[in-house]
Amino acid sequence: MPAARARRGAEDAAPADGGLPDLAGGPAALGAVEVRRSARRRRTVTAYREKGRTVVLIPAAFSPAEERRWVAQMVAKLQTREERRRRSLGGDDELMARARALSAAHLDGLAEPTSVRWVDNQNRRWGSCTPADGSIRLSSRLRAMPEYVVDYVLVHELVHLLEPGHDERFWAHVARYPRAERARGFLEGVEQAASGADGAEPDPAADLVD
């Protein structure tokens, strides 16, 4: 099956000249790669993640050799960024420390979780909280996202320790995190892309590599 596919409409068809280079042993960890050629692009190349695959946007005028070279570079760059984020976010202990720091900075230290951990079984939610026992869980999908987005989800779940519902008081607490609106826009963009409702170009809120 060719690694490069075409998207009709604003994007032109990708060439069927043998597909992409072998990325095994490195960038392949990012899953399948889809190349989209755009007549609107002249020089810029962009890569981003969408529905479990890596999308690389290139100018329609690129030769097959240029396509292979740029795809390899952009996929490797995206992988490096994601690995850097995973290291900075750490494990459950680091996540707990991060939650406590956010509570102190934005919630006057009133939200006191008993546990904060990464989980792999939350595919519909970014985070969840059980106020009764003070536990918070974050989807491991967030590891690939900007740190301010992870912090927003943490603040959201921390506020649930104070306000179980989503009433005005809840959102007033969440709004004390300065980048809350931007982070919500980012997550909405991710969810829109995952639903398949986006166009040929990525949502403006997408975390791009270019």
C-alpha atoms as a PDB file:
ATOM      1  CA  MET A   1       0.000   0.000   0.000  1.00  0.00           C
ATOM      2  CA  PRO A   2       1.555   3.370  -0.980  1.00  0.00           C
ATOM      3  CA  ALA A   3       2.608   5.496   1.971  1.00  0.00           C
ATOM      4  CA  ALA A   4       1.548   8.715   0.263  1.00  0.00           C
ATOM      5  CA  ARG A   5      -2.097   9.313  -0.481  1.00  0.00           C
ATOM      6  CA  ALA A   6      -3.981  12.149  -2.139  1.00  0.00           C
ATOM      7  CA  ARG A   7      -6.676  14.393  -0.790  1.00  0.00           C
ATOM      8  CA  ARG A   8      -8.972  15.869  -3.401  1.00  0.00           C
ATOM      9  CA  GLY A   9     -10.098  19.477  -3.469  1.00  0.00           C
ATOM     10  CA  ALA A  10      -7.651  22.195  -2.431  1.00  0.00           C
ATOM     11  CA  GLU A  11      -4.815  19.637  -2.303  1.00  0.00           C
ATOM     12  CA  ASP A  12      -3.525  18.081  -5.520  1.00  0.00           C
ATOM     13  CA  ALA A  13      -2.788  14.386  -5.894  1.00  0.00           C
ATOM     14  CA  ALA A  14       0.498  13.122  -4.472  1.00  0.00           C
ATOM     15  CA  PRO A  15       2.727  11.410  -7.079  1.00  0.00           C
ATOM     16  CA  ALA A  16       2.639   7.649  -7.289  1.00  0.00           C
ATOM     17  CA  ASP A  17       6.357   7.180  -7.826  1.00  0.00           C
ATOM     18  CA  GLY A  18       7.080   4.611  -5.164  1.00  0.00           C
ATOM     19  CA  GLY A  19       6.029   6.511  -2.053  1.00  0.00           C
ATOM     20  CA  LEU A  20       8.080   7.565   0.926  1.00  0.00           C
ATOM     21  CA  PRO A  21      11.496   6.476   2.170  1.00  0.00           C
ATOM     22  CA  ASP A  22      11.852   3.708   4.723  1.00  0.00           C
ATOM     23  CA  LEU A  23      11.550   5.439   8.105  1.00  0.00           C
ATOM     24  CA  ALA A  24      11.901   2.303  10.197  1.00  0.00           C
ATOM     25  CA  GLY A  25      13.874   2.583  13.396  1.00  0.00           C
ATOM     26  CA  GLY A  26      12.996   6.195  14.137  1.00  0.00           C
ATOM     27  CA  PRO A  27      10.235   8.431  12.808  1.00  0.00           C
ATOM     28  CA  ALA A  28       8.101   5.384  12.047  1.00  0.00           C
ATOM     29  CA  ALA A  29       7.114   5.542  15.709  1.00  0.00           C
ATOM     30  CA  LEU A  30       4.771   8.337  14.671  1.00  0.00           C
ATOM     31  CA  GLY A  31       2.652   5.885  12.688  1.00  0.00           C
ATOM     32  CA  ALA A  32       1.539   6.121   9.063  1.00  0.00           C
ATOM     33  CA  VAL A  33       2.669   9.119   7.033  1.00  0.00           C
ATOM     34  CA  GLU A  34       0.373  10.932   4.614  1.00  0.00           C
ATOM     35  CA  VAL A  35       1.724  13.476   2.126  1.00  0.00           C
ATOM     36  CA  ARG A  36      -0.579  16.202   0.847  1.00  0.00           C
ATOM     37  CA  ARG A  37       0.542  18.361  -2.072  1.00  0.00           C
ATOM     38  CA  SER A  38      -0.815  21.880  -2.295  1.00  0.00           C
ATOM     39  CA  ALA A  39      -0.776  24.198  -5.288  1.00  0.00           C
ATOM     40  CA  ARG A  40      -1.057  27.106  -2.860  1.00  0.00           C
ATOM     41  CA  ARG A  41       2.286  26.283  -1.278  1.00  0.00           C
ATOM     42  CA  ARG A  42       5.443  27.579  -2.899  1.00  0.00           C
ATOM     43  CA  ARG A  43       8.289  26.858  -0.486  1.00  0.00           C
ATOM     44  CA  THR A  44       6.972  26.005   2.976  1.00  0.00           C
ATOM     45  CA  VAL A  45       6.685  22.487   4.382  1.00  0.00           C
ATOM     46  CA  THR A  46       4.573  21.681   7.440  1.00  0.00           C
ATOM     47  CA  ALA A  47       4.013  18.531   9.487  1.00  0.00           C
ATOM     48  CA  TYR A  48       1.460  17.734  12.164  1.00  0.00           C
ATOM     49  CA  ARG A  49      -0.321  14.808  13.814  1.00  0.00           C
ATOM     50  CA  GLU A  50      -3.862  13.829  12.843  1.00  0.00           C
ATOM     51  CA  LYS A  51      -5.892  10.793  13.901  1.00  0.00           C
ATOM     52  CA  GLY A  52      -2.870   8.670  14.742  1.00  0.00           C
ATOM     53  CA  ARG A  53      -0.891   9.500  11.628  1.00  0.00           C
ATOM     54  CA  THR A  54       1.619  12.127  10.564  1.00  0.00           C
ATOM     55  CA  VAL A  55       0.535  14.557   7.845  1.00  0.00           C
ATOM     56  CA  VAL A  56       3.167  16.407   5.816  1.00  0.00           C
ATOM     57  CA  LEU A  57       2.075  19.322   3.619  1.00  0.00           C
ATOM     58  CA  ILE A  58       4.416  20.110   0.719  1.00  0.00           C
ATOM     59  CA  PRO A  59       4.331  22.326  -2.399  1.00  0.00           C
ATOM     60  CA  ALA A  60       2.830  20.643  -5.460  1.00  0.00           C
ATOM     61  CA  ALA A  61       5.944  21.517  -7.467  1.00  0.00           C
ATOM     62  CA  PHE A  62       8.269  19.358  -5.373  1.00  0.00           C
ATOM     63  CA  SER A  63      10.063  16.575  -7.237  1.00  0.00           C
ATOM     64  CA  PRO A  64       9.858  12.996  -5.915  1.00  0.00           C
ATOM     65  CA  ALA A  65      13.386  13.356  -4.514  1.00  0.00           C
ATOM     66  CA  GLU A  66      12.482  16.594  -2.724  1.00  0.00           C
ATOM     67  CA  GLU A  67       9.366  14.936  -1.323  1.00  0.00           C
ATOM     68  CA  ARG A  68      11.340  12.027   0.121  1.00  0.00           C
ATOM     69  CA  ARG A  69      13.991  14.308   1.625  1.00  0.00           C
ATOM     70  CA  TRP A  70      11.548  16.748   3.197  1.00  0.00           C
ATOM     71  CA  VAL A  71       9.199  14.079   4.530  1.00  0.00           C
ATOM     72  CA  ALA A  72      12.087  12.306   6.263  1.00  0.00           C
ATOM     73  CA  GLN A  73      13.285  15.593   7.782  1.00  0.00           C
ATOM     74  CA  MET A  74       9.864  16.748   8.968  1.00  0.00           C
ATOM     75  CA  VAL A  75       8.832  13.407  10.447  1.00  0.00           C
ATOM     76  CA  ALA A  76      12.121  13.208  12.341  1.00  0.00           C
ATOM     77  CA  LYS A  77      11.660  16.786  13.586  1.00  0.00           C
ATOM     78  CA  LEU A  78       8.140  16.054  14.782  1.00  0.00           C
ATOM     79  CA  GLN A  79       9.297  12.915  16.581  1.00  0.00           C
ATOM     80  CA  THR A  80      12.084  14.839  18.312  1.00  0.00           C
ATOM     81  CA  ARG A  81       9.609  17.432  19.550  1.00  0.00           C
ATOM     82  CA  GLU A  82       7.231  14.800  20.905  1.00  0.00           C
ATOM     83  CA  GLU A  83      10.037  12.911  22.650  1.00  0.00           C
ATOM     84  CA  ARG A  84      11.235  16.160  24.256  1.00  0.00           C
ATOM     85  CA  ARG A  85       7.753  16.770  25.599  1.00  0.00           C
ATOM     86  CA  ARG A  86       7.476  13.256  26.999  1.00  0.00           C
ATOM     87  CA  ARG A  87      10.755  13.687  28.874  1.00  0.00           C
ATOM     88  CA  SER A  88       9.762  17.086  30.285  1.00  0.00           C
ATOM     89  CA  LEU A  89       6.370  15.812  31.460  1.00  0.00           C
ATOM     90  CA  GLY A  90       7.898  12.784  33.190  1.00  0.00           C
ATOM     91  CA  GLY A  91       5.969  10.087  35.013  1.00  0.00           C
ATOM     92  CA  ASP A  92       3.258  10.089  37.661  1.00  0.00           C
ATOM     93  CA  ASP A  93       5.462  11.625  40.370  1.00  0.00           C
ATOM     94  CA  GLU A  94       6.339  14.562  38.129  1.00  0.00           C
ATOM     95  CA  LEU A  95       2.674  14.922  37.172  1.00  0.00           C
ATOM     96  CA  MET A  96       1.673  15.121  40.836  1.00  0.00           C
ATOM     97  CA  ALA A  97       4.326  17.776  41.483  1.00  0.00           C
ATOM     98  CA  ARG A  98       3.068  19.716  38.478  1.00  0.00           C
ATOM     99  CA  ALA A  99      -0.523  19.538  39.732  1.00  0.00           C
ATOM    100  CA  ARG A 100       0.451  20.799  43.171  1.00  0.00           C
ATOM    101  CA  ALA A 101       2.401  23.692  41.649  1.00  0.00           C
ATOM    102  CA  LEU A 102      -0.569  24.642  39.465  1.00  0.00           C
ATOM    103  CA  SER A 103      -2.920  24.498  42.434  1.00  0.00           C
ATOM    104  CA  ALA A 104      -0.624  26.799  44.407  1.00  0.00           C
ATOM    105  CA  ALA A 105      -0.204  29.217  41.493  1.00  0.00           C
ATOM    106  CA  HIS A 106      -3.801  29.478  40.299  1.00  0.00           C
ATOM    107  CA  LEU A 107      -6.129  28.009  42.944  1.00  0.00           C
ATOM    108  CA  ASP A 108      -4.569  29.312  46.178  1.00  0.00           C
ATOM    109  CA  GLY A 109      -3.465  25.765  46.953  1.00  0.00           C
ATOM    110  CA  LEU A 110      -7.055  24.771  47.745  1.00  0.00           C
ATOM    111  CA  ALA A 111      -7.143  21.808  45.348  1.00  0.00           C
ATOM    112  CA  GLU A 112      -5.221  18.952  46.964  1.00  0.00           C
ATOM    113  CA  PRO A 113      -5.205  15.775  44.859  1.00  0.00           C
ATOM    114  CA  THR A 114      -4.335  12.463  46.501  1.00  0.00           C
ATOM    115  CA  SER A 115      -3.029  11.018  43.232  1.00  0.00           C
ATOM    116  CA  VAL A 116      -2.361  12.208  39.695  1.00  0.00           C
ATOM    117  CA  ARG A 117      -1.376   9.705  37.033  1.00  0.00           C
ATOM    118  CA  TRP A 118      -1.174   9.005  33.322  1.00  0.00           C
ATOM    119  CA  VAL A 119      -3.604   6.427  31.894  1.00  0.00           C
ATOM    120  CA  ASP A 120      -3.791   4.761  28.492  1.00  0.00           C
ATOM    121  CA  ASN A 121      -7.493   3.864  28.515  1.00  0.00           C
ATOM    122  CA  GLN A 122      -9.015   7.333  28.123  1.00  0.00           C
ATOM    123  CA  ASN A 123      -9.695   7.777  24.429  1.00  0.00           C
ATOM    124  CA  ARG A 124     -12.767   9.990  24.750  1.00  0.00           C
ATOM    125  CA  ARG A 125     -11.626  12.211  27.610  1.00  0.00           C
ATOM    126  CA  TRP A 126      -8.474  14.260  28.088  1.00  0.00           C
ATOM    127  CA  GLY A 127      -8.731  13.954  31.838  1.00  0.00           C
ATOM    128  CA  SER A 128     -10.976  12.719  34.615  1.00  0.00           C
ATOM    129  CA  CYS A 129     -11.360  13.294  38.327  1.00  0.00           C
ATOM    130  CA  THR A 130     -12.968  11.460  41.250  1.00  0.00           C
ATOM    131  CA  PRO A 131     -13.658  14.130  43.881  1.00  0.00           C
ATOM    132  CA  ALA A 132     -14.634  11.498  46.465  1.00  0.00           C
ATOM    133  CA  ASP A 133     -11.084  10.160  46.701  1.00  0.00           C
ATOM    134  CA  GLY A 134      -9.161  13.095  45.205  1.00  0.00           C
ATOM    135  CA  SER A 135      -7.726  11.136  42.272  1.00  0.00           C
ATOM    136  CA  ILE A 136      -6.983  12.648  38.868  1.00  0.00           C
ATOM    137  CA  ARG A 137      -6.179  10.813  35.640  1.00  0.00           C
ATOM    138  CA  LEU A 138      -4.789  12.307  32.435  1.00  0.00           C
ATOM    139  CA  SER A 139      -4.945  10.637  29.040  1.00  0.00           C
ATOM    140  CA  SER A 140      -1.501   9.651  27.780  1.00  0.00           C
ATOM    141  CA  ARG A 141      -2.526  11.248  24.458  1.00  0.00           C
ATOM    142  CA  LEU A 142      -1.692  14.581  26.086  1.00  0.00           C
ATOM    143  CA  ARG A 143       2.003  13.662  26.152  1.00  0.00           C
ATOM    144  CA  ALA A 144       2.261  14.696  22.509  1.00  0.00           C
ATOM    145  CA  MET A 145       0.733  18.122  23.144  1.00  0.00           C
ATOM    146  CA  PRO A 146       2.183  21.450  24.297  1.00  0.00           C
ATOM    147  CA  GLU A 147       2.819  21.747  28.020  1.00  0.00           C
ATOM    148  CA  TYR A 148       0.361  24.633  28.424  1.00  0.00           C
ATOM    149  CA  VAL A 149      -2.384  22.307  27.159  1.00  0.00           C
ATOM    150  CA  VAL A 150      -1.412  19.632  29.690  1.00  0.00           C
ATOM    151  CA  ASP A 151      -1.431  22.282  32.424  1.00  0.00           C
ATOM    152  CA  TYR A 152      -4.889  23.427  31.372  1.00  0.00           C
ATOM    153  CA  VAL A 153      -6.288  19.894  31.630  1.00  0.00           C
ATOM    154  CA  LEU A 154      -4.649  19.528  35.037  1.00  0.00           C
ATOM    155  CA  VAL A 155      -6.201  22.797  36.231  1.00  0.00           C
ATOM    156  CA  HIS A 156      -9.578  21.713  34.861  1.00  0.00           C
ATOM    157  CA  GLU A 157      -9.444  18.478  36.839  1.00  0.00           C
ATOM    158  CA  LEU A 158      -8.051  20.204  39.951  1.00  0.00           C
ATOM    159  CA  VAL A 159     -11.011  22.569  39.937  1.00  0.00           C
ATOM    160  CA  HIS A 160     -13.313  19.538  39.984  1.00  0.00           C
ATOM    161  CA  LEU A 161     -11.927  18.813  43.455  1.00  0.00           C
ATOM    162  CA  LEU A 162     -13.481  22.133  44.478  1.00  0.00           C
ATOM    163  CA  GLU A 163     -16.495  22.296  42.157  1.00  0.00           C
ATOM    164  CA  PRO A 164     -17.780  18.897  40.921  1.00  0.00           C
ATOM    165  CA  GLY A 165     -20.057  20.410  38.251  1.00  0.00           C
ATOM    166  CA  HIS A 166     -19.468  22.751  35.315  1.00  0.00           C
ATOM    167  CA  ASP A 167     -21.313  25.776  36.651  1.00  0.00           C
ATOM    168  CA  GLU A 168     -20.232  29.422  36.585  1.00  0.00           C
ATOM    169  CA  ARG A 169     -18.107  29.021  39.704  1.00  0.00           C
ATOM    170  CA  PHE A 170     -16.249  26.128  38.097  1.00  0.00           C
ATOM    171  CA  TRP A 171     -15.379  28.092  34.941  1.00  0.00           C
ATOM    172  CA  ALA A 172     -14.438  31.142  36.977  1.00  0.00           C
ATOM    173  CA  HIS A 173     -11.825  29.017  38.767  1.00  0.00           C
ATOM    174  CA  VAL A 174     -10.568  27.519  35.492  1.00  0.00           C
ATOM    175  CA  ALA A 175     -10.246  30.999  33.977  1.00  0.00           C
ATOM    176  CA  ARG A 176      -7.614  31.839  36.593  1.00  0.00           C
ATOM    177  CA  TYR A 177      -5.207  29.801  34.482  1.00  0.00           C
ATOM    178  CA  PRO A 178      -3.960  32.470  32.011  1.00  0.00           C
ATOM    179  CA  ARG A 179      -3.813  30.230  28.934  1.00  0.00           C
ATOM    180  CA  ALA A 180      -7.116  28.451  29.487  1.00  0.00           C
ATOM    181  CA  GLU A 181      -8.868  29.894  26.448  1.00  0.00           C
ATOM    182  CA  ARG A 182      -5.957  29.178  24.126  1.00  0.00           C
ATOM    183  CA  ALA A 183      -5.634  25.603  25.420  1.00  0.00           C
ATOM    184  CA  ARG A 184      -9.355  24.964  24.948  1.00  0.00           C
ATOM    185  CA  GLY A 185      -9.070  26.213  21.376  1.00  0.00           C
ATOM    186  CA  PHE A 186      -6.152  23.873  20.769  1.00  0.00           C
ATOM    187  CA  LEU A 187      -8.063  20.843  22.069  1.00  0.00           C
ATOM    188  CA  GLU A 188     -11.133  21.795  20.041  1.00  0.00           C
ATOM    189  CA  GLY A 189      -8.921  21.894  16.945  1.00  0.00           C
ATOM    190  CA  VAL A 190      -7.550  18.442  17.730  1.00  0.00           C
ATOM    191  CA  GLU A 191     -11.028  17.046  18.230  1.00  0.00           C
ATOM    192  CA  GLN A 192     -12.248  18.640  15.008  1.00  0.00           C
ATOM    193  CA  ALA A 193      -9.399  17.068  13.061  1.00  0.00           C
ATOM    194  CA  ALA A 194     -10.068  13.694  14.671  1.00  0.00           C
ATOM    195  CA  SER A 195     -13.713  13.864  13.626  1.00  0.00           C
ATOM    196  CA  GLY A 196     -12.699  14.234   9.988  1.00  0.00           C
ATOM    197  CA  ALA A 197     -14.550  17.538   9.693  1.00  0.00           C
ATOM    198  CA  ASP A 198     -11.495  19.606   8.835  1.00  0.00           C
ATOM    199  CA  GLY A 199     -10.436  20.700   5.384  1.00  0.00           C
ATOM    200  CA  ALA A 200      -7.255  19.997   3.468  1.00  0.00           C
ATOM    201  CA  GLU A 201      -5.186  22.344   5.619  1.00  0.00           C
ATOM    202  CA  PRO A 202      -4.785  21.810   9.397  1.00  0.00           C
ATOM    203  CA  ASP A 203      -6.811  23.728  11.944  1.00  0.00           C
ATOM    204  CA  PRO A 204      -5.086  26.993  12.953  1.00  0.00           C
ATOM    205  CA  ALA A 205      -4.883  25.678  16.538  1.00  0.00           C
ATOM    206  CA  ALA A 206      -2.910  22.610  15.475  1.00  0.00           C
ATOM    207  CA  ASP A 207       0.572  22.175  16.883  1.00  0.00           C
ATOM    208  CA  LEU A 208       2.581  22.354  13.677  1.00  0.00           C
ATOM    209  CA  VAL A 209       6.182  21.667  12.837  1.00  0.00           C
ATOM    210  CA  ASP A 210       7.546  23.724   9.958  1.00  0.00           C
END
